[in-house]
All heavy atoms as atom14 arrays in JSON, in Angstrom:
{
  "sequence": "SKFKAKRIVQTILTMILFLLIFFVSFNTNQFITNLINNATSVNEI",
  "atom14_mask": [
    [1, 1, 1, 1, 1, 1, 0, 0, 0, 0, 0, 0, 0, 0],
    [1, 1, 1, 1, 1, 1, 1, 1, 1, 0, 0, 0, 0, 0],
    [1, 1, 1, 1, 1, 1, 1, 1, 1, 1, 1, 0, 0, 0],
    [1, 1, 1, 1, 1, 1, 1, 1, 1, 0, 0, 0, 0, 0],
    [1, 1, 1, 1, 1, 0, 0, 0, 0, 0, 0, 0, 0, 0],
    [1, 1, 1, 1, 1, 1, 1, 1, 1, 0, 0, 0, 0, 0],
    [1, 1, 1, 1, 1, 1, 1, 1, 1, 1, 1, 0, 0, 0],
    [1, 1, 1, 1, 1, 1, 1, 1, 0, 0, 0, 0, 0, 0],
    [1, 1, 1, 1, 1, 1, 1, 0, 0, 0, 0, 0, 0, 0],
    [1, 1, 1, 1, 1, 1, 1, 1, 1, 0, 0, 0, 0, 0],
    [1, 1, 1, 1, 1, 1, 1, 0, 0, 0, 0, 0, 0, 0],
    [1, 1, 1, 1, 1, 1, 1, 1, 0, 0, 0, 0, 0, 0],
    [1, 1, 1, 1, 1, 1, 1, 1, 0, 0, 0, 0, 0, 0],
    [1, 1, 1, 1, 1, 1, 1, 0, 0, 0, 0, 0, 0, 0],
    [1, 1, 1, 1, 1, 1, 1, 1, 0, 0, 0, 0, 0, 0],
    [1, 1, 1, 1, 1, 1, 1, 1, 0, 0, 0, 0, 0, 0],
    [1, 1, 1, 1, 1, 1, 1, 1, 0, 0, 0, 0, 0, 0],
    [1, 1, 1, 1, 1, 1, 1, 1, 1, 1, 1, 0, 0, 0],
    [1, 1, 1, 1, 1, 1, 1, 1, 0, 0, 0, 0, 0, 0],
    [1, 1, 1, 1, 1, 1, 1, 1, 0, 0, 0, 0, 0, 0],
    [1, 1, 1, 1, 1, 1, 1, 1, 0, 0, 0, 0, 0, 0],
    [1, 1, 1, 1, 1, 1, 1, 1, 1, 1, 1, 0, 0, 0],
    [1, 1, 1, 1, 1, 1, 1, 1, 1, 1, 1, 0, 0, 0],
    [1, 1, 1, 1, 1, 1, 1, 0, 0, 0, 0, 0, 0, 0],
    [1, 1, 1, 1, 1, 1, 0, 0, 0, 0, 0, 0, 0, 0],
    [1, 1, 1, 1, 1, 1, 1, 1, 1, 1, 1, 0, 0, 0],
    [1, 1, 1, 1, 1, 1, 1, 1, 0, 0, 0, 0, 0, 0],
    [1, 1, 1, 1, 1, 1, 1, 0, 0, 0, 0, 0, 0, 0],
    [1, 1, 1, 1, 1, 1, 1, 1, 0, 0, 0, 0, 0, 0],
    [1, 1, 1, 1, 1, 1, 1, 1, 1, 0, 0, 0, 0, 0],
    [1, 1, 1, 1, 1, 1, 1, 1, 1, 1, 1, 0, 0, 0],
    [1, 1, 1, 1, 1, 1, 1, 1, 0, 0, 0, 0, 0, 0],
    [1, 1, 1, 1, 1, 1, 1, 0, 0, 0, 0, 0, 0, 0],
    [1, 1, 1, 1, 1, 1, 1, 1, 0, 0, 0, 0, 0, 0],
    [1, 1, 1, 1, 1, 1, 1, 1, 0, 0, 0, 0, 0, 0],
    [1, 1, 1, 1, 1, 1, 1, 1, 0, 0, 0, 0, 0, 0],
    [1, 1, 1, 1, 1, 1, 1, 1, 0, 0, 0, 0, 0, 0],
    [1, 1, 1, 1, 1, 1, 1, 1, 0, 0, 0, 0, 0, 0],
    [1, 1, 1, 1, 1, 0, 0, 0, 0, 0, 0, 0, 0, 0],
    [1, 1, 1, 1, 1, 1, 1, 0, 0, 0, 0, 0, 0, 0],
    [1, 1, 1, 1, 1, 1, 0, 0, 0, 0, 0, 0, 0, 0],
    [1, 1, 1, 1, 1, 1, 1, 0, 0, 0, 0, 0, 0, 0],
    [1, 1, 1, 1, 1, 1, 1, 1, 0, 0, 0, 0, 0, 0],
    [1, 1, 1, 1, 1, 1, 1, 1, 1, 0, 0, 0, 0, 0],
    [1, 1, 1, 1, 1, 1, 1, 1, 0, 0, 0, 0, 0, 0]
  ],
  "atom14_positions": [
    [[0.81, -1.22, 0.0], [0.0, 0.0, 0.0], [0.85, 1.27, 0.0], [0.34, 2.35, -0.27], [-0.93, 0.01, 1.22], [-0.19, 0.11, 2.42], [0.0, 0.0, 0.0], [0.0, 0.0, 0.0], [0.0, 0.0, 0.0], [0.0, 0.0, 0.0], [0.0, 0.0, 0.0], [0.0, 0.0, 0.0], [0.0, 0.0, 0.0], [0.0, 0.0, 0.0]],
    [[2.14, 1.15, 0.29], [3.03, 2.31, 0.32], [3.56, 2.66, -1.07], [4.22, 3.68, -1.25], [4.21, 2.04, 1.26], [3.8, 1.81, 2.72], [5.01, 1.56, 3.6], [4.58, 1.28, 5.04], [3.93, 2.43, 5.67], [0.0, 0.0, 0.0], [0.0, 0.0, 0.0], [0.0, 0.0, 0.0], [0.0, 0.0, 0.0], [0.0, 0.0, 0.0]],
    [[3.3, 1.81, -2.05], [3.8, 2.06, -3.4], [2.68, 2.55, -4.3], [1.5, 2.34, -4.02], [4.38, 0.76, -3.98], [5.62, 0.28, -3.27], [5.51, -0.51, -2.13], [6.88, 0.61, -3.73], [6.64, -0.97, -1.48], [8.01, 0.16, -3.08], [7.89, -0.63, -1.94], [0.0, 0.0, 0.0], [0.0, 0.0, 0.0], [0.0, 0.0, 0.0]],
    [[3.07, 3.21, -5.4], [2.07, 3.68, -6.36], [1.43, 2.51, -7.09], [0.22, 2.44, -7.24], [2.72, 4.64, -7.36], [3.11, 5.99, -6.76], [3.65, 6.92, -7.82], [3.99, 8.29, -7.23], [4.52, 9.21, -8.26], [0.0, 0.0, 0.0], [0.0, 0.0, 0.0], [0.0, 0.0, 0.0], [0.0, 0.0, 0.0], [0.0, 0.0, 0.0]],
    [[2.27, 1.59, -7.57], [1.76, 0.4, -8.26], [1.43, -0.67, -7.21], [2.14, -1.65, -7.05], [2.77, -0.1, -9.27], [0.0, 0.0, 0.0], [0.0, 0.0, 0.0], [0.0, 0.0, 0.0], [0.0, 0.0, 0.0], [0.0, 0.0, 0.0], [0.0, 0.0, 0.0], [0.0, 0.0, 0.0], [0.0, 0.0, 0.0], [0.0, 0.0, 0.0]],
    [[0.37, -0.43, -6.47], [0.04, -1.27, -5.3], [-0.21, -2.72, -5.68], [0.29, -3.64, -5.04], [-1.18, -0.69, -4.58], [-0.98, 0.72, -4.05], [-2.25, 1.27, -3.46], [-2.06, 2.67, -2.91], [-1.68, 3.63, -3.97], [0.0, 0.0, 0.0], [0.0, 0.0, 0.0], [0.0, 0.0, 0.0], [0.0, 0.0, 0.0], [0.0, 0.0, 0.0]],
    [[-1.0, -2.93, -6.71], [-1.37, -4.3, -7.1], [-0.16, -5.08, -7.58], [0.01, -6.26, -7.25], [-2.41, -4.24, -8.22], [-3.73, -3.62, -7.79], [-4.52, -4.57, -6.93], [-5.85, -4.05, -6.63], [-6.75, -4.66, -5.9], [-6.45, -5.82, -5.36], [-7.93, -4.14, -5.68], [0.0, 0.0, 0.0], [0.0, 0.0, 0.0], [0.0, 0.0, 0.0]],
    [[0.67, -4.42, -8.37], [1.86, -5.1, -8.91], [2.79, -5.49, -7.78], [3.29, -6.62, -7.72], [2.58, -4.19, -9.92], [1.68, -3.94, -11.13], [3.9, -4.82, -10.37], [2.24, -2.97, -12.13], [0.0, 0.0, 0.0], [0.0, 0.0, 0.0], [0.0, 0.0, 0.0], [0.0, 0.0, 0.0], [0.0, 0.0, 0.0], [0.0, 0.0, 0.0]],
    [[3.04, -4.56, -6.85], [3.93, -4.85, -5.71], [3.33, -5.96, -4.85], [4.04, -6.86, -4.39], [4.15, -3.57, -4.87], [4.94, -3.89, -3.6], [4.89, -2.52, -5.69], [0.0, 0.0, 0.0], [0.0, 0.0, 0.0], [0.0, 0.0, 0.0], [0.0, 0.0, 0.0], [0.0, 0.0, 0.0], [0.0, 0.0, 0.0], [0.0, 0.0, 0.0]],
    [[2.03, -5.91, -4.62], [1.36, -6.95, -3.83], [1.52, -8.32, -4.46], [1.82, -9.31, -3.78], [-0.13, -6.6, -3.7], [-0.92, -7.59, -2.85], [-2.39, -7.21, -2.77], [-2.79, -6.12, -3.14], [-3.21, -8.13, -2.3], [0.0, 0.0, 0.0], [0.0, 0.0, 0.0], [0.0, 0.0, 0.0], [0.0, 0.0, 0.0], [0.0, 0.0, 0.0]],
    [[1.34, -8.38, -5.78], [1.49, -9.65, -6.49], [2.92, -10.15, -6.43], [3.17, -11.34, -6.19], [1.05, -9.49, -7.95], [-0.3, -9.02, -7.99], [1.14, -10.81, -8.68], [0.0, 0.0, 0.0], [0.0, 0.0, 0.0], [0.0, 0.0, 0.0], [0.0, 0.0, 0.0], [0.0, 0.0, 0.0], [0.0, 0.0, 0.0], [0.0, 0.0, 0.0]],
    [[3.88, -9.24, -6.63], [5.3, -9.63, -6.61], [5.69, -10.15, -5.22], [6.36, -11.17, -5.09], [6.2, -8.44, -7.02], [5.99, -8.12, -8.5], [7.67, -8.74, -6.75], [6.69, -6.86, -8.96], [0.0, 0.0, 0.0], [0.0, 0.0, 0.0], [0.0, 0.0, 0.0], [0.0, 0.0, 0.0], [0.0, 0.0, 0.0], [0.0, 0.0, 0.0]],
    [[5.28, -9.44, -4.19], [5.6, -9.86, -2.82], [5.0, -11.23, -2.51], [5.64, -12.08, -1.88], [5.09, -8.81, -1.81], [5.83, -7.49, -1.76], [5.14, -6.52, -0.81], [7.28, -7.69, -1.32], [0.0, 0.0, 0.0], [0.0, 0.0, 0.0], [0.0, 0.0, 0.0], [0.0, 0.0, 0.0], [0.0, 0.0, 0.0], [0.0, 0.0, 0.0]],
    [[3.76, -11.45, -2.93], [3.12, -12.73, -2.68], [3.83, -13.85, -3.43], [4.02, -14.95, -2.9], [1.64, -12.68, -3.11], [1.01, -11.53, -2.52], [0.9, -13.92, -2.64], [0.0, 0.0, 0.0], [0.0, 0.0, 0.0], [0.0, 0.0, 0.0], [0.0, 0.0, 0.0], [0.0, 0.0, 0.0], [0.0, 0.0, 0.0], [0.0, 0.0, 0.0]],
    [[4.24, -13.58, -4.68], [4.97, -14.58, -5.45], [6.31, -14.91, -4.79], [6.7, -16.08, -4.71], [5.21, -14.07, -6.88], [3.98, -14.11, -7.76], [4.34, -13.6, -9.45], [2.77, -13.89, -10.24], [0.0, 0.0, 0.0], [0.0, 0.0, 0.0], [0.0, 0.0, 0.0], [0.0, 0.0, 0.0], [0.0, 0.0, 0.0], [0.0, 0.0, 0.0]],
    [[7.03, -13.89, -4.34], [8.3, -14.11, -3.65], [8.09, -14.96, -2.41], [8.88, -15.87, -2.11], [8.96, -12.77, -3.29], [9.41, -12.03, -4.56], [10.14, -12.96, -2.35], [9.9, -10.63, -4.31], [0.0, 0.0, 0.0], [0.0, 0.0, 0.0], [0.0, 0.0, 0.0], [0.0, 0.0, 0.0], [0.0, 0.0, 0.0], [0.0, 0.0, 0.0]],
    [[7.02, -14.68, -1.7], [6.71, -15.42, -0.48], [6.45, -16.89, -0.79], [6.95, -17.79, -0.09], [5.49, -14.8, 0.2], [5.16, -15.26, 1.61], [6.3, -14.95, 2.55], [3.89, -14.59, 2.09], [0.0, 0.0, 0.0], [0.0, 0.0, 0.0], [0.0, 0.0, 0.0], [0.0, 0.0, 0.0], [0.0, 0.0, 0.0], [0.0, 0.0, 0.0]],
    [[5.7, -17.17, -1.85], [5.43, -18.55, -2.23], [6.69, -19.27, -2.69], [6.89, -20.45, -2.39], [4.37, -18.59, -3.32], [2.97, -18.63, -2.8], [2.31, -17.46, -2.48], [2.3, -19.82, -2.61], [1.02, -17.48, -1.99], [1.02, -19.86, -2.12], [0.37, -18.69, -1.81], [0.0, 0.0, 0.0], [0.0, 0.0, 0.0], [0.0, 0.0, 0.0]],
    [[7.55, -18.57, -3.41], [8.82, -19.17, -3.84], [9.68, -19.52, -2.63], [10.35, -20.56, -2.61], [9.56, -18.22, -4.77], [8.95, -18.04, -6.17], [9.7, -16.97, -6.94], [8.96, -19.35, -6.93], [0.0, 0.0, 0.0], [0.0, 0.0, 0.0], [0.0, 0.0, 0.0], [0.0, 0.0, 0.0], [0.0, 0.0, 0.0], [0.0, 0.0, 0.0]],
    [[9.67, -18.66, -1.61], [10.42, -18.94, -0.38], [9.86, -20.17, 0.32], [10.61, -21.0, 0.85], [10.37, -17.73, 0.55], [11.23, -16.53, 0.16], [10.96, -15.36, 1.09], [12.7, -16.9, 0.2], [0.0, 0.0, 0.0], [0.0, 0.0, 0.0], [0.0, 0.0, 0.0], [0.0, 0.0, 0.0], [0.0, 0.0, 0.0], [0.0, 0.0, 0.0]],
    [[8.51, -20.29, 0.33], [7.88, -21.46, 0.96], [8.32, -22.74, 0.25], [8.67, -23.74, 0.88], [6.35, -21.32, 0.95], [5.91, -20.19, 1.9], [5.68, -22.63, 1.35], [4.43, -19.87, 1.82], [0.0, 0.0, 0.0], [0.0, 0.0, 0.0], [0.0, 0.0, 0.0], [0.0, 0.0, 0.0], [0.0, 0.0, 0.0], [0.0, 0.0, 0.0]],
    [[8.3, -22.71, -1.09], [8.72, -23.89, -1.85], [10.19, -24.18, -1.63], [10.59, -25.34, -1.5], [8.44, -23.68, -3.34], [7.02, -23.9, -3.73], [6.23, -22.85, -4.2], [6.43, -25.16, -3.63], [4.91, -23.05, -4.55], [5.11, -25.37, -3.98], [4.35, -24.32, -4.45], [0.0, 0.0, 0.0], [0.0, 0.0, 0.0], [0.0, 0.0, 0.0]],
    [[11.02, -23.14, -1.58], [12.45, -23.33, -1.38], [12.73, -23.96, -0.02], [13.51, -24.9, 0.1], [13.18, -21.99, -1.48], [14.65, -22.08, -1.22], [15.52, -22.55, -2.17], [15.17, -21.69, 0.02], [16.88, -22.65, -1.92], [16.52, -21.78, 0.29], [17.39, -22.26, -0.69], [0.0, 0.0, 0.0], [0.0, 0.0, 0.0], [0.0, 0.0, 0.0]],
    [[12.05, -23.46, 1.01], [12.24, -24.0, 2.36], [11.76, -25.44, 2.43], [12.4, -26.3, 3.05], [11.51, -23.12, 3.4], [11.51, -23.79, 4.76], [12.17, -21.75, 3.49], [0.0, 0.0, 0.0], [0.0, 0.0, 0.0], [0.0, 0.0, 0.0], [0.0, 0.0, 0.0], [0.0, 0.0, 0.0], [0.0, 0.0, 0.0], [0.0, 0.0, 0.0]],
    [[10.62, -25.71, 1.77], [10.05, -27.06, 1.82], [10.98, -28.09, 1.17], [11.0, -29.26, 1.57], [8.69, -27.11, 1.14], [8.81, -26.85, -0.25], [0.0, 0.0, 0.0], [0.0, 0.0, 0.0], [0.0, 0.0, 0.0], [0.0, 0.0, 0.0], [0.0, 0.0, 0.0], [0.0, 0.0, 0.0], [0.0, 0.0, 0.0], [0.0, 0.0, 0.0]],
    [[11.75, -27.67, 0.18], [12.68, -28.6, -0.49], [14.03, -28.68, 0.19], [14.89, -29.44, -0.23], [12.88, -28.17, -1.95], [11.74, -28.54, -2.84], [11.0, -27.56, -3.48], [11.38, -29.87, -3.04], [9.94, -27.89, -4.3], [10.32, -30.22, -3.85], [9.6, -29.22, -4.5], [0.0, 0.0, 0.0], [0.0, 0.0, 0.0], [0.0, 0.0, 0.0]],
    [[14.23, -27.89, 1.24], [15.53, -27.88, 1.91], [15.42, -28.12, 3.41], [16.18, -27.59, 4.2], [16.24, -26.54, 1.66], [16.69, -26.39, 0.22], [17.77, -26.81, -0.17], [15.85, -25.75, -0.59], [0.0, 0.0, 0.0], [0.0, 0.0, 0.0], [0.0, 0.0, 0.0], [0.0, 0.0, 0.0], [0.0, 0.0, 0.0], [0.0, 0.0, 0.0]],
    [[14.42, -28.92, 3.78], [14.22, -29.23, 5.21], [14.48, -30.69, 5.52], [14.17, -31.15, 6.61], [12.77, -28.88, 5.62], [11.86, -29.58, 4.76], [12.51, -27.39, 5.55], [0.0, 0.0, 0.0], [0.0, 0.0, 0.0], [0.0, 0.0, 0.0], [0.0, 0.0, 0.0], [0.0, 0.0, 0.0], [0.0, 0.0, 0.0], [0.0, 0.0, 0.0]],
    [[15.06, -31.41, 4.57], [15.31, -32.84, 4.78], [16.22, -33.09, 5.98], [15.97, -33.98, 6.79], [15.93, -33.46, 3.53], [14.93, -33.53, 2.38], [13.73, -33.49, 2.6], [15.42, -33.59, 1.16], [0.0, 0.0, 0.0], [0.0, 0.0, 0.0], [0.0, 0.0, 0.0], [0.0, 0.0, 0.0], [0.0, 0.0, 0.0], [0.0, 0.0, 0.0]],
    [[17.29, -32.3, 6.09], [18.25, -32.49, 7.18], [17.61, -32.19, 8.53], [17.81, -32.92, 9.5], [19.46, -31.57, 6.96], [20.62, -31.82, 7.93], [21.2, -33.22, 7.77], [21.33, -33.73, 6.68], [21.54, -33.86, 8.88], [0.0, 0.0, 0.0], [0.0, 0.0, 0.0], [0.0, 0.0, 0.0], [0.0, 0.0, 0.0], [0.0, 0.0, 0.0]],
    [[16.79, -31.13, 8.55], [16.11, -30.76, 9.8], [15.17, -31.87, 10.25], [15.16, -32.27, 11.41], [15.35, -29.45, 9.6], [14.42, -29.11, 10.72], [14.9, -28.64, 11.93], [13.04, -29.28, 10.57], [14.03, -28.33, 12.97], [12.17, -28.97, 11.6], [12.67, -28.49, 12.81], [0.0, 0.0, 0.0], [0.0, 0.0, 0.0], [0.0, 0.0, 0.0]],
    [[14.37, -32.39, 9.29], [13.41, -33.45, 9.63], [14.13, -34.72, 10.04], [13.71, -35.42, 10.97], [12.48, -33.7, 8.42], [11.61, -32.46, 8.17], [11.6, -34.92, 8.66], [10.78, -32.54, 6.92], [0.0, 0.0, 0.0], [0.0, 0.0, 0.0], [0.0, 0.0, 0.0], [0.0, 0.0, 0.0], [0.0, 0.0, 0.0], [0.0, 0.0, 0.0]],
    [[15.24, -35.03, 9.35], [16.01, -36.24, 9.7], [16.54, -36.16, 11.12], [16.44, -37.11, 11.9], [17.18, -36.42, 8.72], [16.66, -36.51, 7.39], [17.97, -37.68, 9.05], [0.0, 0.0, 0.0], [0.0, 0.0, 0.0], [0.0, 0.0, 0.0], [0.0, 0.0, 0.0], [0.0, 0.0, 0.0], [0.0, 0.0, 0.0], [0.0, 0.0, 0.0]],
    [[17.09, -35.01, 11.5], [17.6, -34.83, 12.87], [16.48, -34.93, 13.89], [16.64, -35.49, 14.98], [18.29, -33.47, 13.0], [19.58, -33.42, 12.18], [20.2, -34.45, 11.93], [19.97, -32.23, 11.77], [0.0, 0.0, 0.0], [0.0, 0.0, 0.0], [0.0, 0.0, 0.0], [0.0, 0.0, 0.0], [0.0, 0.0, 0.0], [0.0, 0.0, 0.0]],
    [[15.31, -34.38, 13.51], [14.17, -34.4, 14.43], [13.7, -35.83, 14.66], [13.41, -36.24, 15.79], [13.04, -33.55, 13.85], [11.88, -33.18, 14.79], [12.4, -32.36, 15.96], [10.83, -32.41, 14.03], [0.0, 0.0, 0.0], [0.0, 0.0, 0.0], [0.0, 0.0, 0.0], [0.0, 0.0, 0.0], [0.0, 0.0, 0.0], [0.0, 0.0, 0.0]],
    [[13.64, -36.61, 13.57], [13.2, -38.01, 13.67], [14.17, -38.84, 14.5], [13.78, -39.67, 15.32], [13.02, -38.61, 12.26], [11.83, -37.94, 11.56], [12.81, -40.12, 12.33], [11.67, -38.35, 10.12], [0.0, 0.0, 0.0], [0.0, 0.0, 0.0], [0.0, 0.0, 0.0], [0.0, 0.0, 0.0], [0.0, 0.0, 0.0], [0.0, 0.0, 0.0]],
    [[15.46, -38.59, 14.28], [16.48, -39.36, 15.0], [16.45, -39.1, 16.5], [16.89, -39.93, 17.29], [17.88, -39.05, 14.45], [18.06, -39.58, 13.04], [17.4, -40.54, 12.65], [18.94, -38.96, 12.27], [0.0, 0.0, 0.0], [0.0, 0.0, 0.0], [0.0, 0.0, 0.0], [0.0, 0.0, 0.0], [0.0, 0.0, 0.0], [0.0, 0.0, 0.0]],
    [[15.95, -37.91, 16.89], [15.94, -37.54, 18.3], [14.56, -37.61, 18.93], [14.34, -37.08, 20.01], [16.5, -36.13, 18.47], [17.98, -36.05, 18.12], [18.84, -36.57, 18.83], [18.28, -35.42, 16.99], [0.0, 0.0, 0.0], [0.0, 0.0, 0.0], [0.0, 0.0, 0.0], [0.0, 0.0, 0.0], [0.0, 0.0, 0.0], [0.0, 0.0, 0.0]],
    [[13.64, -38.25, 18.23], [12.29, -38.36, 18.76], [11.92, -39.84, 18.91], [12.41, -40.69, 18.17], [11.3, -37.68, 17.82], [0.0, 0.0, 0.0], [0.0, 0.0, 0.0], [0.0, 0.0, 0.0], [0.0, 0.0, 0.0], [0.0, 0.0, 0.0], [0.0, 0.0, 0.0], [0.0, 0.0, 0.0], [0.0, 0.0, 0.0], [0.0, 0.0, 0.0]],
    [[11.07, -40.11, 19.86], [10.69, -41.51, 20.13], [9.42, -41.9, 19.41], [9.09, -43.07, 19.33], [10.48, -41.7, 21.65], [9.49, -40.78, 22.1], [11.77, -41.46, 22.4], [0.0, 0.0, 0.0], [0.0, 0.0, 0.0], [0.0, 0.0, 0.0], [0.0, 0.0, 0.0], [0.0, 0.0, 0.0], [0.0, 0.0, 0.0], [0.0, 0.0, 0.0]],
    [[8.69, -40.93, 18.88], [7.45, -41.27, 18.18], [7.09, -40.15, 17.21], [7.58, -39.03, 17.3], [6.3, -41.46, 19.17], [6.0, -40.23, 19.81], [0.0, 0.0, 0.0], [0.0, 0.0, 0.0], [0.0, 0.0, 0.0], [0.0, 0.0, 0.0], [0.0, 0.0, 0.0], [0.0, 0.0, 0.0], [0.0, 0.0, 0.0], [0.0, 0.0, 0.0]],
    [[6.21, -40.48, 16.27], [5.72, -39.47, 15.32], [5.0, -38.36, 16.06], [5.13, -37.18, 15.73], [4.77, -40.13, 14.29], [4.12, -39.07, 13.4], [5.53, -41.14, 13.43], [0.0, 0.0, 0.0], [0.0, 0.0, 0.0], [0.0, 0.0, 0.0], [0.0, 0.0, 0.0], [0.0, 0.0, 0.0], [0.0, 0.0, 0.0], [0.0, 0.0, 0.0]],
    [[4.25, -38.73, 17.09], [3.52, -37.73, 17.86], [4.47, -36.72, 18.51], [4.21, -35.52, 18.55], [2.67, -38.41, 18.94], [1.81, -37.41, 19.68], [1.17, -36.58, 19.06], [1.8, -37.49, 20.99], [0.0, 0.0, 0.0], [0.0, 0.0, 0.0], [0.0, 0.0, 0.0], [0.0, 0.0, 0.0], [0.0, 0.0, 0.0], [0.0, 0.0, 0.0]],
    [[5.6, -37.21, 19.0], [6.59, -36.32, 19.6], [7.18, -35.38, 18.57], [7.44, -34.21, 18.85], [7.69, -37.14, 20.27], [8.69, -36.28, 21.05], [9.78, -37.12, 21.7], [9.55, -38.33, 21.9], [10.84, -36.55, 21.98], [0.0, 0.0, 0.0], [0.0, 0.0, 0.0], [0.0, 0.0, 0.0], [0.0, 0.0, 0.0], [0.0, 0.0, 0.0]],
    [[7.38, -35.89, 17.35], [7.91, -35.06, 16.27], [6.95, -33.91, 15.98], [7.34, -32.74, 15.93], [8.12, -35.9, 15.0], [9.18, -36.98, 15.23], [8.55, -35.01, 13.83], [9.28, -37.98, 14.1], [0.0, 0.0, 0.0], [0.0, 0.0, 0.0], [0.0, 0.0, 0.0], [0.0, 0.0, 0.0], [0.0, 0.0, 0.0], [0.0, 0.0, 0.0]]
  ]
}
């Protein structure tokens, strides 16, 4: 809302946010592996 091209900026920011979500989701294998190794059950994870 602080920019003149409000809709364009809003769309770009949302797209960047979704790309970050996808990037994080594809790079969490190590985190999940460590979590599983240190947990006694799926519920604890």
